[in-house]
Amino acid sequence: MKKIYSKEAPEILLHQIIKLEEIMPGKIELSDPKEFLQVIALRENTGKEYPAHKHVWKKGEEKTITQEVWVVIKGKLKGSYFDTDGAHLEEEILGHGDCSVTFQGGVSLEVLETDTIFYEIKTGPFR
């Protein structure tokens, strides 16, 4: 798993990238519990069950931030990752099954192949 930290404030984790081949059996936590966006990768075998559970409303947070995840289903994307001050940090090519998580900073996306399919998941609402 690649972690991209701020150059402006090195203790701040801005982005994480996990490649499909890094997902081992079981559960991998991709986000720190303090983040608004909680992301895990699961690789399980037939027969594994997760019991029914209820999603409940939680008390609001004092401060919120938009965080997002991209998951590539098919094709290729180029993610460009930026620091909190807008400075470019790096780029990463994302392919089938790869995942990018942005907690802070900036990010841009370029589709590199025709008929690329990907999911974007973020704290809402979409505006």
Protein backbone atom coordinates (compact mmCIF):
# COMPACT_ATOMS: atom_id res chain seq x y z
CA MET A 1 0.00 0.00 0.00
CA LYS A 2 1.39 3.36 -1.02
CA LYS A 3 0.88 6.27 1.37
CA ILE A 4 1.35 9.86 0.22
CA TYR A 5 2.05 12.40 2.97
CA SER A 6 2.01 16.18 2.85
CA LYS A 7 5.35 17.89 2.21
CA GLU A 8 3.93 20.98 3.86
CA ALA A 9 2.91 19.06 7.02
CA PRO A 10 4.67 15.64 6.88
CA GLU A 11 2.52 14.11 9.62
CA ILE A 12 -0.64 14.44 7.49
CA LEU A 13 -1.60 11.45 5.35
CA LEU A 14 -3.25 12.80 2.20
CA HIS A 15 -3.74 9.81 -0.10
CA GLN A 16 -3.43 6.00 -0.14
CA ILE A 17 -3.25 3.66 -3.12
CA ILE A 18 -3.73 -0.09 -2.98
CA LYS A 19 -3.12 -2.31 -5.98
CA LEU A 20 -5.27 -5.36 -6.62
CA GLU A 21 -2.32 -7.74 -6.20
CA GLU A 22 -1.71 -6.40 -2.66
CA ILE A 23 -5.08 -7.59 -1.37
CA MET A 24 -4.32 -10.72 0.64
CA PRO A 25 -6.92 -13.08 2.15
CA GLY A 26 -8.94 -11.56 4.97
CA LYS A 27 -9.49 -7.91 5.77
CA ILE A 28 -7.12 -4.99 5.19
CA GLU A 29 -7.98 -1.68 6.82
CA LEU A 30 -7.17 1.11 4.38
CA SER A 31 -8.05 4.06 6.58
CA ASP A 32 -7.18 5.20 10.07
CA PRO A 33 -10.18 5.11 12.45
CA LYS A 34 -9.92 8.91 12.87
CA GLU A 35 -10.80 9.50 9.19
CA PHE A 36 -14.38 10.31 8.19
CA LEU A 37 -14.13 7.85 5.31
CA GLN A 38 -13.62 4.28 6.49
CA VAL A 39 -12.33 1.91 3.80
CA ILE A 40 -11.43 -1.78 3.99
CA ALA A 41 -10.47 -4.33 1.34
CA LEU A 42 -11.87 -7.83 1.74
CA ARG A 43 -10.72 -11.01 0.04
CA GLU A 44 -12.79 -13.99 1.11
CA ASN A 45 -13.68 -17.48 -0.08
CA THR A 46 -17.06 -19.05 -0.79
CA GLY A 47 -19.11 -19.58 2.36
CA LYS A 48 -17.83 -16.56 4.29
CA GLU A 49 -20.83 -14.75 5.75
CA TYR A 50 -21.29 -11.34 7.31
CA PRO A 51 -24.28 -11.18 9.66
CA ALA A 52 -27.11 -8.69 9.15
CA HIS A 53 -26.37 -5.37 10.81
CA LYS A 54 -28.05 -2.01 11.12
CA HIS A 55 -26.64 1.31 9.91
CA VAL A 56 -27.56 3.97 12.43
CA TRP A 57 -27.42 7.77 12.42
CA LYS A 58 -24.47 9.16 14.38
CA LYS A 59 -24.15 12.53 16.03
CA GLY A 60 -22.72 15.15 13.66
CA GLU A 61 -19.06 16.08 13.66
CA GLU A 62 -17.83 19.54 14.56
CA LYS A 63 -15.64 19.69 11.46
CA THR A 64 -16.13 17.72 8.25
CA ILE A 65 -14.12 17.27 5.05
CA THR A 66 -14.91 15.61 1.74
CA GLN A 67 -12.96 12.39 1.32
CA GLU A 68 -13.19 10.05 -1.67
CA VAL A 69 -12.30 6.65 -3.07
CA TRP A 70 -11.91 5.53 -6.67
CA VAL A 71 -12.09 1.82 -7.53
CA VAL A 72 -11.18 0.83 -11.10
CA ILE A 73 -13.41 -1.89 -12.50
CA LYS A 74 -12.09 -1.85 -16.08
CA GLY A 75 -9.55 0.23 -17.99
CA LYS A 76 -6.97 2.69 -16.69
CA LEU A 77 -6.91 6.02 -14.89
CA LYS A 78 -4.12 8.42 -14.04
CA GLY A 79 -4.44 10.00 -10.62
CA SER A 80 -2.48 13.17 -9.86
CA TYR A 81 -2.06 13.87 -6.17
CA PHE A 82 -1.61 17.31 -4.60
CA ASP A 83 -0.57 18.65 -1.22
CA THR A 84 -2.78 20.86 0.97
CA ASP A 85 -1.14 23.96 -0.57
CA GLY A 86 -1.87 22.75 -4.13
CA ALA A 87 1.68 21.59 -4.88
CA HIS A 88 1.87 18.50 -7.12
CA LEU A 89 3.17 15.46 -5.20
CA GLU A 90 3.02 12.55 -7.66
CA GLU A 91 1.05 10.57 -10.23
CA GLU A 92 -0.10 6.98 -10.22
CA ILE A 93 -1.55 4.76 -12.95
CA LEU A 94 -4.54 2.81 -11.66
CA GLY A 95 -5.78 -0.32 -13.38
CA HIS A 96 -8.33 -3.12 -12.94
CA GLY A 97 -9.07 -3.62 -9.24
CA ASP A 98 -6.83 -0.79 -7.98
CA CYS A 99 -8.10 1.64 -5.35
CA SER A 100 -7.19 5.24 -4.50
CA VAL A 101 -8.27 6.90 -1.24
CA THR A 102 -8.02 10.68 -0.70
CA PHE A 103 -8.30 11.97 2.87
CA GLN A 104 -6.96 15.52 2.36
CA GLY A 105 -5.15 17.58 -0.27
CA GLY A 106 -6.16 17.66 -3.90
CA VAL A 107 -6.57 15.07 -6.62
CA SER A 108 -7.27 15.02 -10.34
CA LEU A 109 -8.21 12.18 -12.62
CA GLU A 110 -7.53 11.39 -16.28
CA VAL A 111 -9.11 8.47 -18.13
CA LEU A 112 -6.43 6.67 -20.15
CA GLU A 113 -8.47 3.99 -21.97
CA THR A 114 -11.77 3.99 -23.84
CA ASP A 115 -14.66 2.38 -21.96
CA THR A 116 -12.97 2.70 -18.57
CA ILE A 117 -15.37 1.91 -15.71
CA PHE A 118 -14.73 2.99 -12.12
CA TYR A 119 -16.59 3.80 -8.93
CA GLU A 120 -16.20 7.04 -7.00
CA ILE A 121 -17.27 6.83 -3.35
CA LYS A 122 -17.17 9.91 -1.15
CA THR A 123 -18.60 11.54 1.89
CA GLY A 124 -21.73 13.23 0.61
CA PRO A 125 -23.66 14.80 -0.71
CA PHE A 126 -22.46 15.14 -4.31
CA ARG A 127 -22.63 18.83 -5.28
